[in-house]
Amino acid sequence: MPTILHINASPRYANSESLQLARHFIDSVQAAGSESFELETLDLFNEGALPVFGRIAADAKMAVFSGQDQTPEQIMAWESARAVFDQFTAADAYVFNIPMWNSGVPYVLKQWIDIITQPGWSFGFDPENGYRGLMEGKQAMAIHTSGVYAPGVPVAFGSDFSSTFFADWLNFVGISDSTHVRFAPTVLNGDVDGTRKVAELELSEAAVGFASKLRTVGVLQLVND
């Protein structure tokens, strides 16, 4: 059965516009006729959701790539990081809800990205041809929100290094089949409800193709079983 991994990068839960839109999209995928999928949600702001990737984990990484033995501490740190990546790679499709924080992505999303973006896991490198993403065949929906920034506003109202960074990362790891939907601004907006409805409509329309691809994945899984 196909699996959708929902990555929630907001700590605001019921008050989160991006999370509500993500749930709207997932419901729309189900309504589009792809009810046979498993949904797994990773709330990045939950305590203990992510392991620390600090000195010990970094040393473990360098030990792997230099062919040295890892210490017991390093083994534990590396296995913790690998568990996060295994959850990521096991999914067939992804839904990300990403509120803009200080023109960029929330720090926990960057932490998650830094944990799973490892050579030999999500990307490879060739000295002659450069980097190559290893996550081909996946699809992703990314939902971006921002309180004041919106495309076309004067620079005094903010800049967007969030959606651009995230789109580049998806391409870097090989997820070229991605859709980005924006709801902005959520605060400095004279018609918040109208802007939200536009985003919901865009998500509902995108859910049809998303569901169709999930069904194809499900058929292929049955054939290969």
N, C-alpha and C. Protein backbone atom coordinates (compact mmCIF):
# COMPACT_ATOMS: atom_id res chain seq x y z
N MET A 1 0.84 -1.19 0.00
CA MET A 1 0.00 0.00 0.00
C MET A 1 0.88 1.25 0.00
N PRO A 2 0.59 2.23 -0.86
CA PRO A 2 1.41 3.44 -0.89
C PRO A 2 1.35 4.20 0.44
N THR A 3 2.42 4.91 0.73
CA THR A 3 2.51 5.66 1.97
C THR A 3 2.78 7.13 1.69
N ILE A 4 2.01 7.99 2.36
CA ILE A 4 2.27 9.43 2.34
C ILE A 4 2.91 9.79 3.68
N LEU A 5 4.04 10.45 3.63
CA LEU A 5 4.66 10.98 4.84
C LEU A 5 4.37 12.47 4.90
N HIS A 6 3.65 12.87 5.93
CA HIS A 6 3.32 14.28 6.12
C HIS A 6 4.30 14.88 7.11
N ILE A 7 5.05 15.88 6.68
CA ILE A 7 6.02 16.56 7.52
C ILE A 7 5.42 17.89 7.95
N ASN A 8 5.08 18.00 9.22
CA ASN A 8 4.50 19.23 9.76
C ASN A 8 5.61 20.07 10.39
N ALA A 9 5.90 21.22 9.76
CA ALA A 9 6.98 22.08 10.24
C ALA A 9 6.45 23.29 11.00
N SER A 10 5.23 23.18 11.51
CA SER A 10 4.66 24.27 12.31
C SER A 10 4.39 23.80 13.73
N PRO A 11 4.66 24.65 14.74
CA PRO A 11 4.36 24.29 16.13
C PRO A 11 2.98 24.76 16.57
N ARG A 12 2.18 25.35 15.67
CA ARG A 12 0.97 26.04 16.10
C ARG A 12 -0.28 25.17 16.03
N TYR A 13 -0.17 23.99 15.47
CA TYR A 13 -1.25 23.01 15.44
C TYR A 13 -2.58 23.63 15.01
N ALA A 14 -3.58 23.70 15.86
CA ALA A 14 -4.91 24.16 15.44
C ALA A 14 -4.89 25.58 14.91
N ASN A 15 -3.89 26.37 15.29
CA ASN A 15 -3.80 27.75 14.83
C ASN A 15 -2.92 27.91 13.59
N SER A 16 -2.44 26.80 13.07
CA SER A 16 -1.52 26.85 11.93
C SER A 16 -2.27 26.83 10.60
N GLU A 17 -2.11 27.88 9.83
CA GLU A 17 -2.72 27.93 8.50
C GLU A 17 -2.11 26.86 7.58
N SER A 18 -0.79 26.70 7.65
CA SER A 18 -0.14 25.73 6.76
C SER A 18 -0.58 24.31 7.09
N LEU A 19 -0.75 24.01 8.37
CA LEU A 19 -1.18 22.66 8.77
C LEU A 19 -2.62 22.40 8.32
N GLN A 20 -3.48 23.38 8.45
CA GLN A 20 -4.86 23.20 8.02
C GLN A 20 -4.93 22.96 6.51
N LEU A 21 -4.09 23.65 5.76
CA LEU A 21 -4.06 23.43 4.31
C LEU A 21 -3.50 22.05 3.97
N ALA A 22 -2.53 21.59 4.73
CA ALA A 22 -1.99 20.25 4.49
C ALA A 22 -3.06 19.20 4.72
N ARG A 23 -3.84 19.37 5.77
CA ARG A 23 -4.92 18.42 6.04
C ARG A 23 -6.00 18.50 4.97
N HIS A 24 -6.26 19.70 4.47
CA HIS A 24 -7.21 19.86 3.37
C HIS A 24 -6.73 19.08 2.14
N PHE A 25 -5.43 19.19 1.86
CA PHE A 25 -4.88 18.49 0.70
C PHE A 25 -4.97 16.98 0.87
N ILE A 26 -4.59 16.48 2.03
CA ILE A 26 -4.63 15.03 2.27
C ILE A 26 -6.06 14.51 2.17
N ASP A 27 -7.01 15.26 2.72
CA ASP A 27 -8.42 14.87 2.59
C ASP A 27 -8.85 14.87 1.12
N SER A 28 -8.33 15.83 0.35
CA SER A 28 -8.69 15.92 -1.07
C SER A 28 -8.11 14.76 -1.85
N VAL A 29 -6.90 14.32 -1.47
CA VAL A 29 -6.30 13.14 -2.12
C VAL A 29 -7.16 11.92 -1.87
N GLN A 30 -7.63 11.77 -0.65
CA GLN A 30 -8.50 10.65 -0.32
C GLN A 30 -9.81 10.74 -1.08
N ALA A 31 -10.39 11.93 -1.18
CA ALA A 31 -11.65 12.12 -1.88
C ALA A 31 -11.51 11.90 -3.38
N ALA A 32 -10.29 12.08 -3.88
CA ALA A 32 -10.05 11.91 -5.31
C ALA A 32 -9.98 10.45 -5.73
N GLY A 33 -10.16 9.54 -4.76
CA GLY A 33 -10.24 8.12 -5.11
C GLY A 33 -9.01 7.34 -4.77
N SER A 34 -8.15 7.89 -3.92
CA SER A 34 -6.96 7.15 -3.52
C SER A 34 -7.01 6.90 -2.02
N GLU A 35 -8.14 6.29 -1.60
CA GLU A 35 -8.31 6.07 -0.17
C GLU A 35 -7.39 4.98 0.37
N SER A 36 -6.83 4.17 -0.53
CA SER A 36 -5.97 3.08 -0.08
C SER A 36 -4.52 3.54 0.02
N PHE A 37 -4.24 4.35 1.02
CA PHE A 37 -2.87 4.73 1.29
C PHE A 37 -2.70 4.85 2.80
N GLU A 38 -1.48 4.67 3.22
CA GLU A 38 -1.15 4.85 4.63
C GLU A 38 -0.62 6.26 4.82
N LEU A 39 -1.04 6.89 5.90
CA LEU A 39 -0.59 8.23 6.23
C LEU A 39 0.25 8.19 7.49
N GLU A 40 1.45 8.72 7.40
CA GLU A 40 2.31 8.85 8.57
C GLU A 40 2.67 10.32 8.73
N THR A 41 2.52 10.83 9.93
CA THR A 41 2.79 12.25 10.18
C THR A 41 3.97 12.39 11.13
N LEU A 42 4.89 13.26 10.75
CA LEU A 42 6.02 13.60 11.61
C LEU A 42 5.89 15.05 12.01
N ASP A 43 5.58 15.29 13.28
CA ASP A 43 5.49 16.64 13.82
C ASP A 43 6.88 17.05 14.31
N LEU A 44 7.54 17.88 13.55
CA LEU A 44 8.95 18.16 13.83
C LEU A 44 9.17 18.87 15.16
N PHE A 45 8.16 19.60 15.63
CA PHE A 45 8.32 20.33 16.87
C PHE A 45 8.00 19.49 18.11
N ASN A 46 7.55 18.26 17.94
CA ASN A 46 7.32 17.40 19.10
C ASN A 46 8.65 17.08 19.77
N GLU A 47 8.65 17.09 21.07
CA GLU A 47 9.87 16.80 21.81
C GLU A 47 10.37 15.40 21.48
N GLY A 48 11.63 15.31 21.11
CA GLY A 48 12.22 14.02 20.79
C GLY A 48 11.95 13.54 19.37
N ALA A 49 11.32 14.40 18.55
CA ALA A 49 11.01 13.98 17.18
C ALA A 49 12.27 13.75 16.35
N LEU A 50 13.32 14.52 16.64
CA LEU A 50 14.56 14.42 15.88
C LEU A 50 15.74 14.24 16.82
N PRO A 51 16.71 13.43 16.41
CA PRO A 51 17.93 13.31 17.22
C PRO A 51 18.83 14.52 17.01
N VAL A 52 19.68 14.77 17.96
CA VAL A 52 20.67 15.83 17.80
C VAL A 52 21.72 15.37 16.80
N PHE A 53 22.06 16.24 15.86
CA PHE A 53 23.14 15.91 14.92
C PHE A 53 24.27 16.92 15.16
N GLY A 54 25.06 16.62 16.20
CA GLY A 54 26.14 17.52 16.59
C GLY A 54 27.50 16.89 16.39
N ARG A 55 28.40 17.13 17.34
CA ARG A 55 29.79 16.70 17.18
C ARG A 55 29.92 15.19 17.02
N ILE A 56 29.20 14.43 17.85
CA ILE A 56 29.34 12.96 17.80
C ILE A 56 28.84 12.42 16.47
N ALA A 57 27.67 12.91 16.03
CA ALA A 57 27.12 12.44 14.76
C ALA A 57 28.00 12.86 13.59
N ALA A 58 28.53 14.08 13.66
CA ALA A 58 29.41 14.55 12.58
C ALA A 58 30.68 13.71 12.52
N ASP A 59 31.24 13.38 13.69
CA ASP A 59 32.42 12.52 13.71
C ASP A 59 32.08 11.12 13.19
N ALA A 60 30.87 10.64 13.50
CA ALA A 60 30.44 9.33 13.00
C ALA A 60 30.37 9.34 11.48
N LYS A 61 29.85 10.43 10.94
CA LYS A 61 29.74 10.58 9.48
C LYS A 61 31.13 10.55 8.84
N MET A 62 32.07 11.30 9.41
CA MET A 62 33.41 11.35 8.84
C MET A 62 34.12 10.00 8.98
N ALA A 63 33.82 9.27 10.05
CA ALA A 63 34.42 7.94 10.22
C ALA A 63 33.96 7.00 9.12
N VAL A 64 32.67 7.09 8.78
CA VAL A 64 32.12 6.25 7.72
C VAL A 64 32.83 6.51 6.40
N PHE A 65 32.99 7.79 6.07
CA PHE A 65 33.51 8.14 4.75
C PHE A 65 35.02 8.11 4.66
N SER A 66 35.68 7.96 5.81
CA SER A 66 37.13 7.81 5.78
C SER A 66 37.55 6.37 6.03
N GLY A 67 36.54 5.48 6.21
CA GLY A 67 36.83 4.07 6.40
C GLY A 67 37.33 3.71 7.79
N GLN A 68 37.09 4.59 8.78
CA GLN A 68 37.53 4.31 10.13
C GLN A 68 36.41 3.65 10.93
N ASP A 69 36.79 2.99 12.01
CA ASP A 69 35.80 2.39 12.89
C ASP A 69 35.11 3.47 13.72
N GLN A 70 33.82 3.30 13.93
CA GLN A 70 33.08 4.23 14.77
C GLN A 70 33.15 3.79 16.23
N THR A 71 33.15 4.76 17.11
CA THR A 71 33.07 4.46 18.53
C THR A 71 31.63 4.05 18.85
N PRO A 72 31.40 3.39 20.00
CA PRO A 72 30.02 3.04 20.37
C PRO A 72 29.08 4.25 20.38
N GLU A 73 29.57 5.39 20.86
CA GLU A 73 28.75 6.61 20.85
C GLU A 73 28.41 7.03 19.44
N GLN A 74 29.39 6.96 18.57
CA GLN A 74 29.17 7.35 17.17
C GLN A 74 28.21 6.40 16.48
N ILE A 75 28.30 5.13 16.79
CA ILE A 75 27.39 4.15 16.19
C ILE A 75 25.95 4.49 16.57
N MET A 76 25.72 4.80 17.82
CA MET A 76 24.37 5.15 18.27
C MET A 76 23.86 6.40 17.57
N ALA A 77 24.71 7.41 17.44
CA ALA A 77 24.31 8.65 16.80
C ALA A 77 24.00 8.43 15.32
N TRP A 78 24.81 7.63 14.66
CA TRP A 78 24.62 7.37 13.23
C TRP A 78 23.36 6.54 12.98
N GLU A 79 23.12 5.57 13.86
CA GLU A 79 21.91 4.76 13.73
C GLU A 79 20.65 5.60 13.97
N SER A 80 20.72 6.56 14.88
CA SER A 80 19.58 7.45 15.13
C SER A 80 19.28 8.29 13.90
N ALA A 81 20.33 8.80 13.26
CA ALA A 81 20.14 9.58 12.03
C ALA A 81 19.57 8.68 10.92
N ARG A 82 20.08 7.47 10.84
CA ARG A 82 19.63 6.55 9.79
C ARG A 82 18.16 6.22 9.96
N ALA A 83 17.69 6.12 11.17
CA ALA A 83 16.27 5.82 11.41
C ALA A 83 15.38 6.92 10.86
N VAL A 84 15.83 8.18 10.97
CA VAL A 84 15.06 9.30 10.41
C VAL A 84 15.05 9.19 8.89
N PHE A 85 16.19 8.86 8.32
CA PHE A 85 16.23 8.72 6.86
C PHE A 85 15.39 7.54 6.39
N ASP A 86 15.42 6.43 7.11
CA ASP A 86 14.65 5.26 6.71
C ASP A 86 13.15 5.58 6.67
N GLN A 87 12.67 6.38 7.61
CA GLN A 87 11.27 6.80 7.59
C GLN A 87 10.99 7.61 6.33
N PHE A 88 11.93 8.47 5.98
CA PHE A 88 11.79 9.32 4.79
C PHE A 88 11.77 8.49 3.51
N THR A 89 12.72 7.62 3.35
CA THR A 89 12.85 6.89 2.09
C THR A 89 11.78 5.82 1.93
N ALA A 90 11.18 5.37 3.03
CA ALA A 90 10.15 4.33 2.95
C ALA A 90 8.85 4.86 2.35
N ALA A 91 8.64 6.16 2.39
CA ALA A 91 7.40 6.74 1.88
C ALA A 91 7.45 6.86 0.36
N ASP A 92 6.26 6.85 -0.24
CA ASP A 92 6.15 7.00 -1.68
C ASP A 92 5.86 8.43 -2.10
N ALA A 93 5.30 9.21 -1.18
CA ALA A 93 4.93 10.60 -1.48
C ALA A 93 5.01 11.41 -0.19
N TYR A 94 5.11 12.73 -0.38
CA TYR A 94 5.33 13.60 0.77
C TYR A 94 4.42 14.82 0.71
N VAL A 95 3.97 15.23 1.88
CA VAL A 95 3.25 16.50 2.02
C VAL A 95 3.98 17.30 3.09
N PHE A 96 4.42 18.50 2.73
CA PHE A 96 5.14 19.37 3.64
C PHE A 96 4.32 20.63 3.87
N ASN A 97 4.12 21.02 5.11
CA ASN A 97 3.56 22.35 5.38
C ASN A 97 4.63 23.18 6.07
N ILE A 98 4.94 24.33 5.44
CA ILE A 98 6.14 25.10 5.79
C ILE A 98 5.80 26.57 5.99
N PRO A 99 5.65 27.00 7.22
CA PRO A 99 5.50 28.43 7.47
C PRO A 99 6.86 29.13 7.32
N MET A 100 6.83 30.34 6.78
CA MET A 100 8.08 31.08 6.65
C MET A 100 8.48 31.67 8.01
N TRP A 101 9.74 31.47 8.38
CA TRP A 101 10.28 32.05 9.61
C TRP A 101 11.49 32.91 9.24
N ASN A 102 11.38 34.20 9.45
CA ASN A 102 12.52 35.11 9.19
C ASN A 102 13.09 34.89 7.79
N SER A 103 12.20 34.86 6.83
CA SER A 103 12.53 34.72 5.41
C SER A 103 13.00 33.33 5.02
N GLY A 104 13.11 32.41 5.99
CA GLY A 104 13.58 31.07 5.69
C GLY A 104 12.65 30.00 6.24
N VAL A 105 13.13 28.76 6.26
CA VAL A 105 12.33 27.65 6.78
C VAL A 105 12.52 27.57 8.30
N PRO A 106 11.55 27.01 9.03
CA PRO A 106 11.74 26.80 10.47
C PRO A 106 12.98 25.94 10.75
N TYR A 107 13.65 26.22 11.84
CA TYR A 107 14.92 25.57 12.13
C TYR A 107 14.80 24.06 12.25
N VAL A 108 13.64 23.56 12.71
CA VAL A 108 13.52 22.11 12.85
C VAL A 108 13.44 21.43 11.49
N LEU A 109 12.88 22.11 10.51
CA LEU A 109 12.85 21.55 9.16
C LEU A 109 14.26 21.49 8.59
N LYS A 110 15.05 22.53 8.84
CA LYS A 110 16.44 22.51 8.39
C LYS A 110 17.22 21.40 9.10
N GLN A 111 16.93 21.20 10.39
CA GLN A 111 17.59 20.11 11.12
C GLN A 111 17.23 18.76 10.50
N TRP A 112 15.96 18.55 10.19
CA TRP A 112 15.52 17.30 9.56
C TRP A 112 16.22 17.10 8.23
N ILE A 113 16.28 18.16 7.43
CA ILE A 113 16.95 18.08 6.13
C ILE A 113 18.43 17.73 6.30
N ASP A 114 19.08 18.36 7.26
CA ASP A 114 20.51 18.10 7.46
C ASP A 114 20.78 16.68 7.95
N ILE A 115 19.81 16.10 8.68
CA ILE A 115 19.98 14.72 9.15
C ILE A 115 19.89 13.73 7.99
N ILE A 116 18.93 13.92 7.11
CA ILE A 116 18.68 12.91 6.07
C ILE A 116 19.47 13.14 4.79
N THR A 117 20.03 14.33 4.63
CA THR A 117 20.74 14.62 3.38
C THR A 117 22.20 14.23 3.54
N GLN A 118 22.44 12.95 3.36
CA GLN A 118 23.77 12.37 3.53
C GLN A 118 24.17 11.65 2.24
N PRO A 119 25.45 11.71 1.87
CA PRO A 119 25.92 10.99 0.68
C PRO A 119 25.71 9.50 0.84
N GLY A 120 25.22 8.91 -0.22
CA GLY A 120 24.92 7.48 -0.19
C GLY A 120 23.54 7.18 0.31
N TRP A 121 22.90 8.16 0.95
CA TRP A 121 21.52 8.00 1.41
C TRP A 121 20.59 8.70 0.42
N SER A 122 20.53 10.01 0.48
CA SER A 122 19.61 10.75 -0.40
C SER A 122 20.28 11.34 -1.63
N PHE A 123 21.61 11.34 -1.67
CA PHE A 123 22.30 11.81 -2.87
C PHE A 123 23.63 11.09 -3.04
N GLY A 124 24.11 11.11 -4.27
CA GLY A 124 25.42 10.56 -4.57
C GLY A 124 26.29 11.64 -5.18
N PHE A 125 27.57 11.37 -5.28
CA PHE A 125 28.50 12.35 -5.86
C PHE A 125 29.51 11.65 -6.73
N ASP A 126 29.72 12.22 -7.91
CA ASP A 126 30.71 11.72 -8.85
C ASP A 126 31.71 12.85 -9.13
N PRO A 127 33.00 12.61 -9.01
CA PRO A 127 33.98 13.68 -9.22
C PRO A 127 33.90 14.34 -10.59
N GLU A 128 33.41 13.59 -11.58
CA GLU A 128 33.32 14.16 -12.93
C GLU A 128 31.96 14.78 -13.21
N ASN A 129 30.90 14.17 -12.68
CA ASN A 129 29.55 14.63 -13.02
C ASN A 129 28.84 15.38 -11.90
N GLY A 130 29.43 15.39 -10.72
CA GLY A 130 28.84 16.14 -9.63
C GLY A 130 27.80 15.36 -8.85
N TYR A 131 26.85 16.10 -8.27
CA TYR A 131 25.83 15.50 -7.40
C TYR A 131 24.71 14.84 -8.20
N ARG A 132 24.09 13.83 -7.58
CA ARG A 132 22.93 13.17 -8.20
C ARG A 132 21.97 12.75 -7.08
N GLY A 133 20.72 13.17 -7.21
CA GLY A 133 19.72 12.77 -6.23
C GLY A 133 19.38 11.31 -6.33
N LEU A 134 19.14 10.67 -5.20
CA LEU A 134 18.85 9.24 -5.17
C LEU A 134 17.40 8.93 -4.81
N MET A 135 16.56 9.98 -4.76
CA MET A 135 15.17 9.79 -4.34
C MET A 135 14.20 9.88 -5.52
N GLU A 136 14.63 9.43 -6.68
CA GLU A 136 13.77 9.47 -7.85
C GLU A 136 12.52 8.63 -7.65
N GLY A 137 11.46 8.98 -8.38
CA GLY A 137 10.23 8.21 -8.34
C GLY A 137 9.28 8.60 -7.24
N LYS A 138 9.62 9.64 -6.47
CA LYS A 138 8.75 10.13 -5.40
C LYS A 138 8.04 11.39 -5.89
N GLN A 139 6.94 11.74 -5.23
CA GLN A 139 6.27 13.01 -5.50
C GLN A 139 6.07 13.76 -4.20
N ALA A 140 5.99 15.09 -4.32
CA ALA A 140 5.87 15.91 -3.12
C ALA A 140 4.94 17.09 -3.36
N MET A 141 4.19 17.43 -2.32
CA MET A 141 3.41 18.65 -2.25
C MET A 141 4.00 19.51 -1.13
N ALA A 142 4.36 20.74 -1.45
CA ALA A 142 4.89 21.66 -0.45
C ALA A 142 3.95 22.85 -0.34
N ILE A 143 3.50 23.12 0.88
CA ILE A 143 2.57 24.21 1.15
C ILE A 143 3.31 25.28 1.94
N HIS A 144 3.38 26.49 1.38
CA HIS A 144 4.15 27.57 1.97
C HIS A 144 3.21 28.68 2.44
N THR A 145 3.42 29.16 3.66
CA THR A 145 2.64 30.29 4.17
C THR A 145 3.60 31.34 4.73
N SER A 146 3.13 32.58 4.73
CA SER A 146 3.89 33.68 5.33
C SER A 146 2.91 34.76 5.75
N GLY A 147 3.23 35.40 6.86
CA GLY A 147 2.30 36.36 7.44
C GLY A 147 2.26 37.69 6.72
N VAL A 148 3.43 38.20 6.31
CA VAL A 148 3.51 39.52 5.68
C VAL A 148 4.00 39.43 4.24
N TYR A 149 5.01 38.58 4.01
CA TYR A 149 5.56 38.46 2.66
C TYR A 149 4.56 37.83 1.70
N ALA A 150 4.57 38.34 0.47
CA ALA A 150 3.84 37.73 -0.64
C ALA A 150 4.60 38.10 -1.91
N PRO A 151 4.53 37.27 -2.93
CA PRO A 151 5.24 37.59 -4.17
C PRO A 151 4.84 38.98 -4.69
N GLY A 152 5.84 39.75 -5.07
CA GLY A 152 5.59 41.06 -5.64
C GLY A 152 5.58 42.22 -4.66
N VAL A 153 5.67 41.94 -3.34
CA VAL A 153 5.65 43.03 -2.37
C VAL A 153 7.01 43.74 -2.37
N PRO A 154 7.06 45.01 -1.95
CA PRO A 154 8.35 45.69 -1.84
C PRO A 154 9.27 44.97 -0.87
N VAL A 155 10.57 45.13 -1.03
CA VAL A 155 11.55 44.41 -0.22
C VAL A 155 11.40 44.74 1.26
N ALA A 156 10.83 45.90 1.59
CA ALA A 156 10.62 46.26 2.99
C ALA A 156 9.64 45.33 3.69
N PHE A 157 8.88 44.55 2.90
CA PHE A 157 7.90 43.62 3.47
C PHE A 157 8.41 42.18 3.46
N GLY A 158 9.70 42.02 3.25
CA GLY A 158 10.28 40.69 3.38
C GLY A 158 10.81 40.11 2.09
N SER A 159 11.53 39.02 2.23
CA SER A 159 12.09 38.27 1.11
C SER A 159 11.80 36.79 1.33
N ASP A 160 11.85 36.03 0.25
CA ASP A 160 11.55 34.60 0.34
C ASP A 160 12.78 33.77 0.03
N PHE A 161 13.42 33.28 1.09
CA PHE A 161 14.48 32.30 0.94
C PHE A 161 13.99 30.93 1.41
N SER A 162 12.71 30.85 1.73
CA SER A 162 12.11 29.62 2.25
C SER A 162 11.72 28.68 1.10
N SER A 163 10.80 29.12 0.26
CA SER A 163 10.33 28.24 -0.81
C SER A 163 11.44 27.97 -1.83
N THR A 164 12.31 28.95 -2.07
CA THR A 164 13.40 28.75 -3.02
C THR A 164 14.39 27.72 -2.50
N PHE A 165 14.74 27.83 -1.22
CA PHE A 165 15.64 26.84 -0.61
C PHE A 165 15.02 25.44 -0.67
N PHE A 166 13.74 25.36 -0.33
CA PHE A 166 13.12 24.05 -0.23
C PHE A 166 12.96 23.41 -1.61
N ALA A 167 12.60 24.20 -2.61
CA ALA A 167 12.49 23.67 -3.98
C ALA A 167 13.85 23.17 -4.46
N ASP A 168 14.90 23.90 -4.14
CA ASP A 168 16.24 23.49 -4.54
C ASP A 168 16.63 22.18 -3.85
N TRP A 169 16.27 22.04 -2.56
CA TRP A 169 16.60 20.81 -1.84
C TRP A 169 15.87 19.61 -2.44
N LEU A 170 14.58 19.77 -2.75
CA LEU A 170 13.85 18.67 -3.37
C LEU A 170 14.54 18.20 -4.65
N ASN A 171 14.92 19.15 -5.48
CA ASN A 171 15.61 18.79 -6.73
C ASN A 171 16.96 18.13 -6.43
N PHE A 172 17.64 18.62 -5.41
CA PHE A 172 18.97 18.08 -5.07
C PHE A 172 18.90 16.60 -4.72
N VAL A 173 17.85 16.19 -3.99
CA VAL A 173 17.75 14.78 -3.60
C VAL A 173 17.01 13.95 -4.64
N GLY A 174 16.61 14.57 -5.75
CA GLY A 174 16.02 13.80 -6.85
C GLY A 174 14.51 13.79 -6.91
N ILE A 175 13.83 14.60 -6.08
CA ILE A 175 12.36 14.65 -6.12
C ILE A 175 11.96 15.78 -7.06
N SER A 176 11.94 15.47 -8.34
CA SER A 176 11.63 16.48 -9.35
C SER A 176 10.13 16.64 -9.55
N ASP A 177 9.35 15.65 -9.14
CA ASP A 177 7.90 15.70 -9.27
C ASP A 177 7.33 16.38 -8.02
N SER A 178 7.35 17.71 -8.02
CA SER A 178 6.91 18.45 -6.84
C SER A 178 6.01 19.60 -7.25
N THR A 179 5.07 19.91 -6.37
CA THR A 179 4.15 21.03 -6.56
C THR A 179 4.25 21.93 -5.34
N HIS A 180 4.25 23.24 -5.59
CA HIS A 180 4.35 24.22 -4.52
C HIS A 180 3.12 25.12 -4.54
N VAL A 181 2.43 25.20 -3.41
CA VAL A 181 1.25 26.04 -3.27
C VAL A 181 1.50 27.03 -2.15
N ARG A 182 1.15 28.28 -2.39
CA ARG A 182 1.42 29.33 -1.42
C ARG A 182 0.12 29.98 -0.95
N PHE A 183 0.04 30.22 0.37
CA PHE A 183 -1.02 31.03 0.95
C PHE A 183 -0.34 32.19 1.65
N ALA A 184 -0.43 33.37 1.04
CA ALA A 184 0.26 34.54 1.59
C ALA A 184 -0.34 35.82 1.01
N PRO A 185 -0.32 36.87 1.83
CA PRO A 185 0.02 36.87 3.24
C PRO A 185 -1.16 36.42 4.10
N THR A 186 -0.85 35.88 5.25
CA THR A 186 -1.90 35.40 6.15
C THR A 186 -2.28 36.44 7.20
N VAL A 187 -1.48 37.49 7.33
CA VAL A 187 -1.75 38.52 8.34
C VAL A 187 -2.07 39.86 7.69
N LEU A 188 -1.14 40.37 6.91
CA LEU A 188 -1.33 41.67 6.26
C LEU A 188 -2.13 41.46 4.97
N ASN A 189 -3.42 41.18 5.16
CA ASN A 189 -4.25 40.76 4.03
C ASN A 189 -5.69 41.22 4.28
N GLY A 190 -6.22 42.01 3.35
CA GLY A 190 -7.59 42.49 3.51
C GLY A 190 -8.64 41.46 3.16
N ASP A 191 -8.23 40.33 2.57
CA ASP A 191 -9.17 39.27 2.21
C ASP A 191 -8.53 37.92 2.48
N VAL A 192 -8.28 37.65 3.75
CA VAL A 192 -7.63 36.40 4.14
C VAL A 192 -8.44 35.19 3.71
N ASP A 193 -9.74 35.24 3.93
CA ASP A 193 -10.59 34.10 3.58
C ASP A 193 -10.56 33.83 2.08
N GLY A 194 -10.59 34.90 1.30
CA GLY A 194 -10.55 34.73 -0.16
C GLY A 194 -9.23 34.14 -0.62
N THR A 195 -8.13 34.62 -0.04
CA THR A 195 -6.81 34.10 -0.41
C THR A 195 -6.67 32.63 0.00
N ARG A 196 -7.22 32.30 1.16
CA ARG A 196 -7.19 30.91 1.62
C ARG A 196 -7.99 30.01 0.67
N LYS A 197 -9.13 30.47 0.23
CA LYS A 197 -9.97 29.67 -0.67
C LYS A 197 -9.27 29.42 -2.00
N VAL A 198 -8.52 30.41 -2.47
CA VAL A 198 -7.75 30.22 -3.71
C VAL A 198 -6.73 29.10 -3.51
N ALA A 199 -6.03 29.12 -2.37
CA ALA A 199 -5.05 28.07 -2.08
C ALA A 199 -5.72 26.71 -1.94
N GLU A 200 -6.88 26.67 -1.28
CA GLU A 200 -7.60 25.40 -1.12
C GLU A 200 -8.03 24.84 -2.47
N LEU A 201 -8.48 25.71 -3.36
CA LEU A 201 -8.88 25.26 -4.69
C LEU A 201 -7.69 24.70 -5.46
N GLU A 202 -6.57 25.38 -5.37
CA GLU A 202 -5.36 24.91 -6.04
C GLU A 202 -4.94 23.55 -5.50
N LEU A 203 -5.05 23.38 -4.19
CA LEU A 203 -4.68 22.10 -3.57
C LEU A 203 -5.65 21.00 -3.98
N SER A 204 -6.94 21.32 -4.03
CA SER A 204 -7.93 20.31 -4.43
C SER A 204 -7.69 19.85 -5.86
N GLU A 205 -7.34 20.77 -6.73
CA GLU A 205 -7.06 20.41 -8.12
C GLU A 205 -5.79 19.57 -8.22
N ALA A 206 -4.77 19.94 -7.46
CA ALA A 206 -3.52 19.19 -7.49
C ALA A 206 -3.69 17.79 -6.90
N ALA A 207 -4.65 17.62 -6.01
CA ALA A 207 -4.86 16.32 -5.35
C ALA A 207 -5.28 15.25 -6.34
N VAL A 208 -5.92 15.63 -7.42
CA VAL A 208 -6.39 14.65 -8.41
C VAL A 208 -5.20 13.93 -9.04
N GLY A 209 -4.23 14.69 -9.52
CA GLY A 209 -3.04 14.08 -10.11
C GLY A 209 -2.20 13.34 -9.10
N PHE A 210 -2.12 13.89 -7.89
CA PHE A 210 -1.36 13.26 -6.81
C PHE A 210 -1.94 11.88 -6.50
N ALA A 211 -3.28 11.82 -6.40
CA ALA A 211 -3.96 10.55 -6.10
C ALA A 211 -3.77 9.55 -7.23
N SER A 212 -3.81 10.03 -8.46
CA SER A 212 -3.64 9.14 -9.62
C SER A 212 -2.27 8.47 -9.60
N LYS A 213 -1.24 9.25 -9.27
CA LYS A 213 0.11 8.68 -9.21
C LYS A 213 0.24 7.70 -8.05
N LEU A 214 -0.44 7.97 -6.94
CA LEU A 214 -0.42 7.03 -5.82
C LEU A 214 -1.05 5.70 -6.21
N ARG A 215 -2.15 5.77 -6.96
CA ARG A 215 -2.79 4.53 -7.40
C ARG A 215 -1.85 3.72 -8.27
N THR A 216 -1.10 4.39 -9.13
CA THR A 216 -0.14 3.70 -9.98
C THR A 216 0.93 3.02 -9.15
N VAL A 217 1.39 3.71 -8.12
CA VAL A 217 2.38 3.11 -7.21
C VAL A 217 1.79 1.87 -6.53
N GLY A 218 0.51 1.97 -6.12
CA GLY A 218 -0.13 0.84 -5.47
C GLY A 218 -0.25 -0.36 -6.38
N VAL A 219 -0.55 -0.14 -7.65
CA VAL A 219 -0.67 -1.23 -8.63
C VAL A 219 0.70 -1.89 -8.82
N LEU A 220 1.74 -1.07 -8.95
CA LEU A 220 3.09 -1.61 -9.14
C LEU A 220 3.53 -2.42 -7.92
N GLN A 221 3.15 -1.96 -6.74
CA GLN A 221 3.50 -2.71 -5.54
C GLN A 221 2.82 -4.07 -5.51
N LEU A 222 1.56 -4.12 -5.96
CA LEU A 222 0.83 -5.39 -6.00
C LEU A 222 1.48 -6.34 -7.01
N VAL A 223 1.89 -5.79 -8.15
CA VAL A 223 2.52 -6.62 -9.18
C VAL A 223 3.83 -7.22 -8.68
N ASN A 224 4.58 -6.41 -7.91
CA ASN A 224 5.89 -6.85 -7.44
C ASN A 224 5.84 -7.72 -6.20
N ASP A 225 4.69 -7.78 -5.53
CA ASP A 225 4.56 -8.61 -4.33
C ASP A 225 4.60 -10.10 -4.68
